[in-house]
Amino acid sequence: MEIINLTYIPLGVYNYYKSNNQEVKMQTIDISELELLTESENPVIVDVREDFEYNSGHVPNAKNIPLSQLEERYAEITDGTYLICQSGARSARACQYLSTKGIDTINISGGTIAWNGPLEFTDRL
């Protein structure tokens, strides 16, 4: 995958990639922008880490769809969904994949490790 352009815009960055000769657009915000959003809105957040990572602590109200299951479950994700992982790399790959399916999502750079607020934990029964 080759980055062909990088353009800064208000409240985020658009990265353009070429994947299989198709241009893929991905919007990125940093974790501080997500923290501000959660204060005034209820954004839809999907955590693409594996179950055991998600269960050990995740951003409040995030739904878990592991990257390893994304191909089977991508229809559960809608335009405007924020994707997060541990640092932002896996969620970026997920955004790129979803873009090829016609779903525009927003990557959260910095990921869960940069989150300053309290994390939620999933019961492990």
N, C-alpha and C. Protein backbone atom coordinates (compact mmCIF):
# COMPACT_ATOMS: atom_id res chain seq x y z
N MET A 1 0.85 -1.16 0.00
CA MET A 1 0.00 0.00 0.00
C MET A 1 0.90 1.23 0.00
N GLU A 2 0.63 2.17 -0.88
CA GLU A 2 1.47 3.35 -1.04
C GLU A 2 0.67 4.60 -0.71
N ILE A 3 1.19 5.44 0.19
CA ILE A 3 0.53 6.72 0.48
C ILE A 3 0.81 7.65 -0.68
N ILE A 4 -0.25 8.24 -1.26
CA ILE A 4 -0.02 9.12 -2.40
C ILE A 4 -0.28 10.58 -2.09
N ASN A 5 -0.95 10.87 -0.96
CA ASN A 5 -1.24 12.26 -0.63
C ASN A 5 -1.60 12.34 0.84
N LEU A 6 -1.32 13.46 1.45
CA LEU A 6 -1.69 13.70 2.84
C LEU A 6 -2.14 15.14 2.93
N THR A 7 -3.39 15.37 3.34
CA THR A 7 -3.93 16.71 3.38
C THR A 7 -4.56 16.95 4.74
N TYR A 8 -4.20 18.05 5.41
CA TYR A 8 -4.79 18.38 6.70
C TYR A 8 -6.09 19.15 6.48
N ILE A 9 -7.10 18.81 7.28
CA ILE A 9 -8.37 19.52 7.24
C ILE A 9 -8.81 19.76 8.69
N PRO A 10 -9.76 20.67 8.92
CA PRO A 10 -10.23 20.89 10.29
C PRO A 10 -10.79 19.61 10.90
N LEU A 11 -10.52 19.40 12.19
CA LEU A 11 -10.97 18.22 12.93
C LEU A 11 -10.54 16.91 12.29
N GLY A 12 -9.38 16.86 11.75
CA GLY A 12 -8.90 15.58 11.27
C GLY A 12 -7.98 15.68 10.09
N VAL A 13 -7.54 14.55 9.65
CA VAL A 13 -6.60 14.42 8.54
C VAL A 13 -7.18 13.38 7.59
N TYR A 14 -7.10 13.67 6.31
CA TYR A 14 -7.47 12.65 5.33
C TYR A 14 -6.19 12.07 4.76
N ASN A 15 -6.10 10.77 4.77
CA ASN A 15 -4.98 10.07 4.16
C ASN A 15 -5.51 9.35 2.93
N TYR A 16 -4.77 9.41 1.84
CA TYR A 16 -5.19 8.74 0.62
C TYR A 16 -4.22 7.61 0.34
N TYR A 17 -4.75 6.45 0.05
CA TYR A 17 -3.95 5.27 -0.22
C TYR A 17 -4.37 4.68 -1.56
N LYS A 18 -3.51 3.92 -2.13
CA LYS A 18 -3.89 3.12 -3.30
C LYS A 18 -3.89 1.67 -2.86
N SER A 19 -4.98 1.01 -3.10
CA SER A 19 -5.12 -0.40 -2.78
C SER A 19 -5.76 -1.08 -3.97
N ASN A 20 -5.03 -2.01 -4.57
CA ASN A 20 -5.53 -2.70 -5.77
C ASN A 20 -5.99 -1.70 -6.83
N ASN A 21 -5.16 -0.68 -7.07
CA ASN A 21 -5.43 0.36 -8.06
C ASN A 21 -6.69 1.17 -7.77
N GLN A 22 -7.17 1.12 -6.54
CA GLN A 22 -8.33 1.90 -6.13
C GLN A 22 -7.87 2.90 -5.08
N GLU A 23 -8.25 4.17 -5.24
CA GLU A 23 -7.90 5.18 -4.24
C GLU A 23 -8.81 5.02 -3.04
N VAL A 24 -8.21 5.01 -1.85
CA VAL A 24 -8.93 4.81 -0.61
C VAL A 24 -8.71 6.04 0.27
N LYS A 25 -9.79 6.65 0.74
CA LYS A 25 -9.71 7.84 1.60
C LYS A 25 -10.03 7.44 3.03
N MET A 26 -9.23 7.95 3.97
CA MET A 26 -9.44 7.63 5.37
C MET A 26 -9.28 8.90 6.20
N GLN A 27 -10.26 9.22 7.01
CA GLN A 27 -10.16 10.36 7.91
C GLN A 27 -9.57 9.89 9.23
N THR A 28 -8.72 10.71 9.83
CA THR A 28 -8.09 10.40 11.11
C THR A 28 -8.25 11.57 12.06
N ILE A 29 -8.58 11.26 13.31
CA ILE A 29 -8.56 12.25 14.38
C ILE A 29 -7.66 11.68 15.48
N ASP A 30 -7.20 12.56 16.37
CA ASP A 30 -6.41 12.02 17.48
C ASP A 30 -7.31 11.80 18.69
N ILE A 31 -6.77 11.12 19.67
CA ILE A 31 -7.56 10.71 20.83
C ILE A 31 -8.14 11.91 21.58
N SER A 32 -7.43 13.03 21.61
CA SER A 32 -7.95 14.21 22.31
C SER A 32 -9.21 14.74 21.63
N GLU A 33 -9.29 14.63 20.31
CA GLU A 33 -10.51 15.04 19.60
C GLU A 33 -11.67 14.12 19.95
N LEU A 34 -11.39 12.82 20.08
CA LEU A 34 -12.44 11.88 20.48
C LEU A 34 -12.91 12.19 21.90
N GLU A 35 -11.98 12.50 22.79
CA GLU A 35 -12.36 12.84 24.17
C GLU A 35 -13.30 14.04 24.18
N LEU A 36 -13.03 15.05 23.37
CA LEU A 36 -13.91 16.22 23.28
C LEU A 36 -15.28 15.83 22.73
N LEU A 37 -15.30 14.98 21.72
CA LEU A 37 -16.57 14.54 21.13
C LEU A 37 -17.43 13.81 22.16
N THR A 38 -16.81 12.97 22.97
CA THR A 38 -17.59 12.19 23.94
C THR A 38 -18.18 13.05 25.05
N GLU A 39 -17.65 14.26 25.22
CA GLU A 39 -18.20 15.18 26.22
C GLU A 39 -19.53 15.79 25.77
N SER A 40 -19.70 15.95 24.44
CA SER A 40 -20.90 16.63 23.94
C SER A 40 -21.79 15.73 23.07
N GLU A 41 -21.27 14.63 22.61
CA GLU A 41 -22.03 13.73 21.72
C GLU A 41 -21.87 12.30 22.22
N ASN A 42 -22.54 11.41 21.53
CA ASN A 42 -22.42 9.98 21.82
C ASN A 42 -21.95 9.29 20.54
N PRO A 43 -20.67 9.45 20.18
CA PRO A 43 -20.21 8.88 18.91
C PRO A 43 -20.21 7.35 18.94
N VAL A 44 -20.44 6.75 17.78
CA VAL A 44 -20.37 5.30 17.66
C VAL A 44 -18.89 4.93 17.53
N ILE A 45 -18.40 4.12 18.47
CA ILE A 45 -17.00 3.73 18.51
C ILE A 45 -16.91 2.22 18.43
N VAL A 46 -16.06 1.73 17.51
CA VAL A 46 -15.81 0.30 17.39
C VAL A 46 -14.33 0.05 17.69
N ASP A 47 -14.08 -0.85 18.63
CA ASP A 47 -12.73 -1.25 19.01
C ASP A 47 -12.39 -2.50 18.21
N VAL A 48 -11.34 -2.44 17.40
CA VAL A 48 -10.99 -3.57 16.52
C VAL A 48 -9.93 -4.49 17.12
N ARG A 49 -9.62 -4.31 18.40
CA ARG A 49 -8.68 -5.22 19.05
C ARG A 49 -9.35 -6.56 19.30
N GLU A 50 -8.55 -7.57 19.55
CA GLU A 50 -9.08 -8.90 19.84
C GLU A 50 -9.82 -8.89 21.17
N ASP A 51 -10.70 -9.88 21.36
CA ASP A 51 -11.56 -9.93 22.54
C ASP A 51 -10.79 -9.78 23.85
N PHE A 52 -9.67 -10.49 24.00
CA PHE A 52 -8.94 -10.44 25.26
C PHE A 52 -8.37 -9.04 25.52
N GLU A 53 -8.01 -8.31 24.46
CA GLU A 53 -7.51 -6.94 24.63
C GLU A 53 -8.65 -6.01 25.03
N TYR A 54 -9.77 -6.14 24.33
CA TYR A 54 -10.96 -5.33 24.62
C TYR A 54 -11.42 -5.56 26.06
N ASN A 55 -11.48 -6.83 26.47
CA ASN A 55 -11.94 -7.17 27.82
C ASN A 55 -11.04 -6.61 28.91
N SER A 56 -9.77 -6.37 28.59
CA SER A 56 -8.84 -5.87 29.60
C SER A 56 -8.92 -4.35 29.77
N GLY A 57 -9.79 -3.70 29.04
CA GLY A 57 -10.02 -2.26 29.19
C GLY A 57 -10.22 -1.59 27.85
N HIS A 58 -11.34 -0.87 27.71
CA HIS A 58 -11.67 -0.20 26.45
C HIS A 58 -12.31 1.16 26.72
N VAL A 59 -12.29 2.00 25.71
CA VAL A 59 -12.92 3.31 25.78
C VAL A 59 -14.42 3.10 26.07
N PRO A 60 -14.99 3.89 26.98
CA PRO A 60 -16.40 3.72 27.33
C PRO A 60 -17.32 3.71 26.11
N ASN A 61 -18.27 2.81 26.14
CA ASN A 61 -19.32 2.64 25.12
C ASN A 61 -18.82 2.09 23.79
N ALA A 62 -17.57 1.68 23.70
CA ALA A 62 -17.06 1.10 22.45
C ALA A 62 -17.58 -0.32 22.28
N LYS A 63 -17.96 -0.64 21.07
CA LYS A 63 -18.38 -1.99 20.70
C LYS A 63 -17.15 -2.72 20.17
N ASN A 64 -17.07 -4.02 20.39
CA ASN A 64 -15.92 -4.79 19.93
C ASN A 64 -16.25 -5.59 18.67
N ILE A 65 -15.51 -5.28 17.60
CA ILE A 65 -15.51 -6.09 16.38
C ILE A 65 -14.03 -6.29 16.03
N PRO A 66 -13.45 -7.42 16.45
CA PRO A 66 -12.02 -7.63 16.21
C PRO A 66 -11.66 -7.57 14.72
N LEU A 67 -10.47 -7.05 14.45
CA LEU A 67 -9.99 -6.97 13.07
C LEU A 67 -10.03 -8.34 12.40
N SER A 68 -9.78 -9.40 13.16
CA SER A 68 -9.79 -10.75 12.60
C SER A 68 -11.19 -11.19 12.16
N GLN A 69 -12.23 -10.49 12.60
CA GLN A 69 -13.61 -10.82 12.22
C GLN A 69 -14.23 -9.78 11.30
N LEU A 70 -13.47 -8.76 10.94
CA LEU A 70 -14.02 -7.63 10.20
C LEU A 70 -14.60 -8.04 8.85
N GLU A 71 -13.95 -8.93 8.15
CA GLU A 71 -14.45 -9.34 6.84
C GLU A 71 -15.86 -9.94 6.93
N GLU A 72 -16.13 -10.68 8.01
CA GLU A 72 -17.45 -11.29 8.19
C GLU A 72 -18.46 -10.31 8.80
N ARG A 73 -17.99 -9.30 9.53
CA ARG A 73 -18.90 -8.46 10.30
C ARG A 73 -18.94 -7.00 9.85
N TYR A 74 -18.33 -6.67 8.73
CA TYR A 74 -18.24 -5.26 8.32
C TYR A 74 -19.61 -4.60 8.14
N ALA A 75 -20.64 -5.37 7.84
CA ALA A 75 -21.97 -4.80 7.63
C ALA A 75 -22.56 -4.21 8.92
N GLU A 76 -21.97 -4.52 10.07
CA GLU A 76 -22.42 -3.96 11.35
C GLU A 76 -21.92 -2.53 11.55
N ILE A 77 -21.03 -2.07 10.68
CA ILE A 77 -20.41 -0.75 10.82
C ILE A 77 -21.02 0.20 9.80
N THR A 78 -21.35 1.40 10.25
CA THR A 78 -21.99 2.39 9.38
C THR A 78 -21.06 3.59 9.15
N ASP A 79 -21.40 4.38 8.15
CA ASP A 79 -20.65 5.62 7.88
C ASP A 79 -20.57 6.47 9.15
N GLY A 80 -19.41 7.08 9.37
CA GLY A 80 -19.23 7.96 10.50
C GLY A 80 -18.81 7.29 11.79
N THR A 81 -18.63 5.98 11.75
CA THR A 81 -18.19 5.24 12.94
C THR A 81 -16.72 5.53 13.20
N TYR A 82 -16.36 5.67 14.47
CA TYR A 82 -14.98 5.89 14.88
C TYR A 82 -14.36 4.53 15.22
N LEU A 83 -13.19 4.25 14.64
CA LEU A 83 -12.52 2.98 14.90
C LEU A 83 -11.28 3.22 15.75
N ILE A 84 -11.09 2.36 16.74
CA ILE A 84 -9.97 2.48 17.67
C ILE A 84 -9.34 1.11 17.89
N CYS A 85 -8.05 1.12 18.20
CA CYS A 85 -7.35 -0.10 18.60
C CYS A 85 -6.41 0.30 19.73
N GLN A 86 -5.29 -0.38 19.88
CA GLN A 86 -4.35 -0.04 20.95
C GLN A 86 -3.60 1.26 20.66
N SER A 87 -3.13 1.41 19.39
CA SER A 87 -2.31 2.59 19.06
C SER A 87 -2.78 3.36 17.84
N GLY A 88 -3.61 2.76 17.01
CA GLY A 88 -4.10 3.41 15.80
C GLY A 88 -3.72 2.71 14.51
N ALA A 89 -2.84 1.72 14.57
CA ALA A 89 -2.40 1.03 13.36
C ALA A 89 -3.45 0.05 12.83
N ARG A 90 -3.97 -0.80 13.70
CA ARG A 90 -4.99 -1.76 13.25
C ARG A 90 -6.28 -1.07 12.86
N SER A 91 -6.65 -0.03 13.59
CA SER A 91 -7.87 0.69 13.24
C SER A 91 -7.70 1.40 11.89
N ALA A 92 -6.49 1.84 11.57
CA ALA A 92 -6.24 2.44 10.24
C ALA A 92 -6.43 1.39 9.15
N ARG A 93 -5.93 0.19 9.37
CA ARG A 93 -6.12 -0.89 8.38
C ARG A 93 -7.61 -1.21 8.23
N ALA A 94 -8.33 -1.20 9.35
CA ALA A 94 -9.77 -1.47 9.29
C ALA A 94 -10.49 -0.38 8.50
N CYS A 95 -10.12 0.89 8.72
CA CYS A 95 -10.72 2.00 7.96
C CYS A 95 -10.47 1.84 6.47
N GLN A 96 -9.25 1.48 6.12
CA GLN A 96 -8.90 1.28 4.71
C GLN A 96 -9.75 0.18 4.10
N TYR A 97 -9.88 -0.93 4.81
CA TYR A 97 -10.69 -2.04 4.31
C TYR A 97 -12.15 -1.61 4.14
N LEU A 98 -12.70 -0.95 5.15
CA LEU A 98 -14.10 -0.52 5.08
C LEU A 98 -14.34 0.47 3.96
N SER A 99 -13.36 1.30 3.68
CA SER A 99 -13.48 2.25 2.57
C SER A 99 -13.66 1.51 1.24
N THR A 100 -13.00 0.38 1.07
CA THR A 100 -13.17 -0.39 -0.16
C THR A 100 -14.56 -1.01 -0.25
N LYS A 101 -15.26 -1.09 0.88
CA LYS A 101 -16.63 -1.59 0.93
C LYS A 101 -17.65 -0.46 0.86
N GLY A 102 -17.15 0.79 0.69
CA GLY A 102 -18.04 1.94 0.59
C GLY A 102 -18.48 2.50 1.92
N ILE A 103 -17.79 2.16 3.00
CA ILE A 103 -18.14 2.64 4.33
C ILE A 103 -17.07 3.63 4.78
N ASP A 104 -17.48 4.88 5.04
CA ASP A 104 -16.55 5.92 5.46
C ASP A 104 -16.49 5.98 6.98
N THR A 105 -15.34 5.62 7.54
CA THR A 105 -15.13 5.59 8.98
C THR A 105 -14.00 6.54 9.34
N ILE A 106 -13.80 6.75 10.63
CA ILE A 106 -12.77 7.67 11.12
C ILE A 106 -11.82 6.90 12.01
N ASN A 107 -10.54 6.95 11.69
CA ASN A 107 -9.51 6.31 12.50
C ASN A 107 -9.14 7.21 13.68
N ILE A 108 -8.89 6.60 14.84
CA ILE A 108 -8.47 7.33 16.02
C ILE A 108 -7.00 7.04 16.26
N SER A 109 -6.16 8.02 15.92
CA SER A 109 -4.73 7.84 16.14
C SER A 109 -4.42 7.99 17.62
N GLY A 110 -3.43 7.26 18.07
CA GLY A 110 -3.08 7.26 19.49
C GLY A 110 -3.70 6.09 20.21
N GLY A 111 -4.91 5.73 19.83
CA GLY A 111 -5.56 4.55 20.36
C GLY A 111 -5.86 4.57 21.84
N THR A 112 -6.22 3.40 22.33
CA THR A 112 -6.62 3.23 23.72
C THR A 112 -5.51 3.59 24.70
N ILE A 113 -4.26 3.36 24.32
CA ILE A 113 -3.17 3.67 25.26
C ILE A 113 -3.05 5.17 25.53
N ALA A 114 -3.57 6.00 24.65
CA ALA A 114 -3.50 7.44 24.83
C ALA A 114 -4.75 8.01 25.52
N TRP A 115 -5.77 7.18 25.73
CA TRP A 115 -7.02 7.63 26.35
C TRP A 115 -6.75 8.09 27.77
N ASN A 116 -7.17 9.31 28.12
CA ASN A 116 -6.92 9.87 29.45
C ASN A 116 -8.02 9.58 30.46
N GLY A 117 -9.19 9.22 29.98
CA GLY A 117 -10.30 8.96 30.89
C GLY A 117 -10.29 7.54 31.42
N PRO A 118 -11.28 7.23 32.24
CA PRO A 118 -11.38 5.86 32.77
C PRO A 118 -11.76 4.89 31.66
N LEU A 119 -11.29 3.68 31.78
CA LEU A 119 -11.64 2.62 30.83
C LEU A 119 -12.78 1.80 31.39
N GLU A 120 -13.54 1.16 30.49
CA GLU A 120 -14.54 0.19 30.89
C GLU A 120 -13.93 -1.20 30.78
N PHE A 121 -14.40 -2.10 31.61
CA PHE A 121 -13.91 -3.47 31.58
C PHE A 121 -15.08 -4.40 31.37
N THR A 122 -14.85 -5.46 30.61
CA THR A 122 -15.90 -6.43 30.32
C THR A 122 -15.76 -7.60 31.28
N ASP A 123 -16.89 -8.01 31.85
CA ASP A 123 -16.87 -9.16 32.76
C ASP A 123 -16.37 -10.39 32.03
N ARG A 124 -15.56 -11.15 32.70
CA ARG A 124 -15.02 -12.39 32.12
C ARG A 124 -15.60 -13.57 32.88
N LEU A 125 -16.83 -13.92 32.60
CA LEU A 125 -17.49 -15.03 33.30
C LEU A 125 -17.24 -16.34 32.62
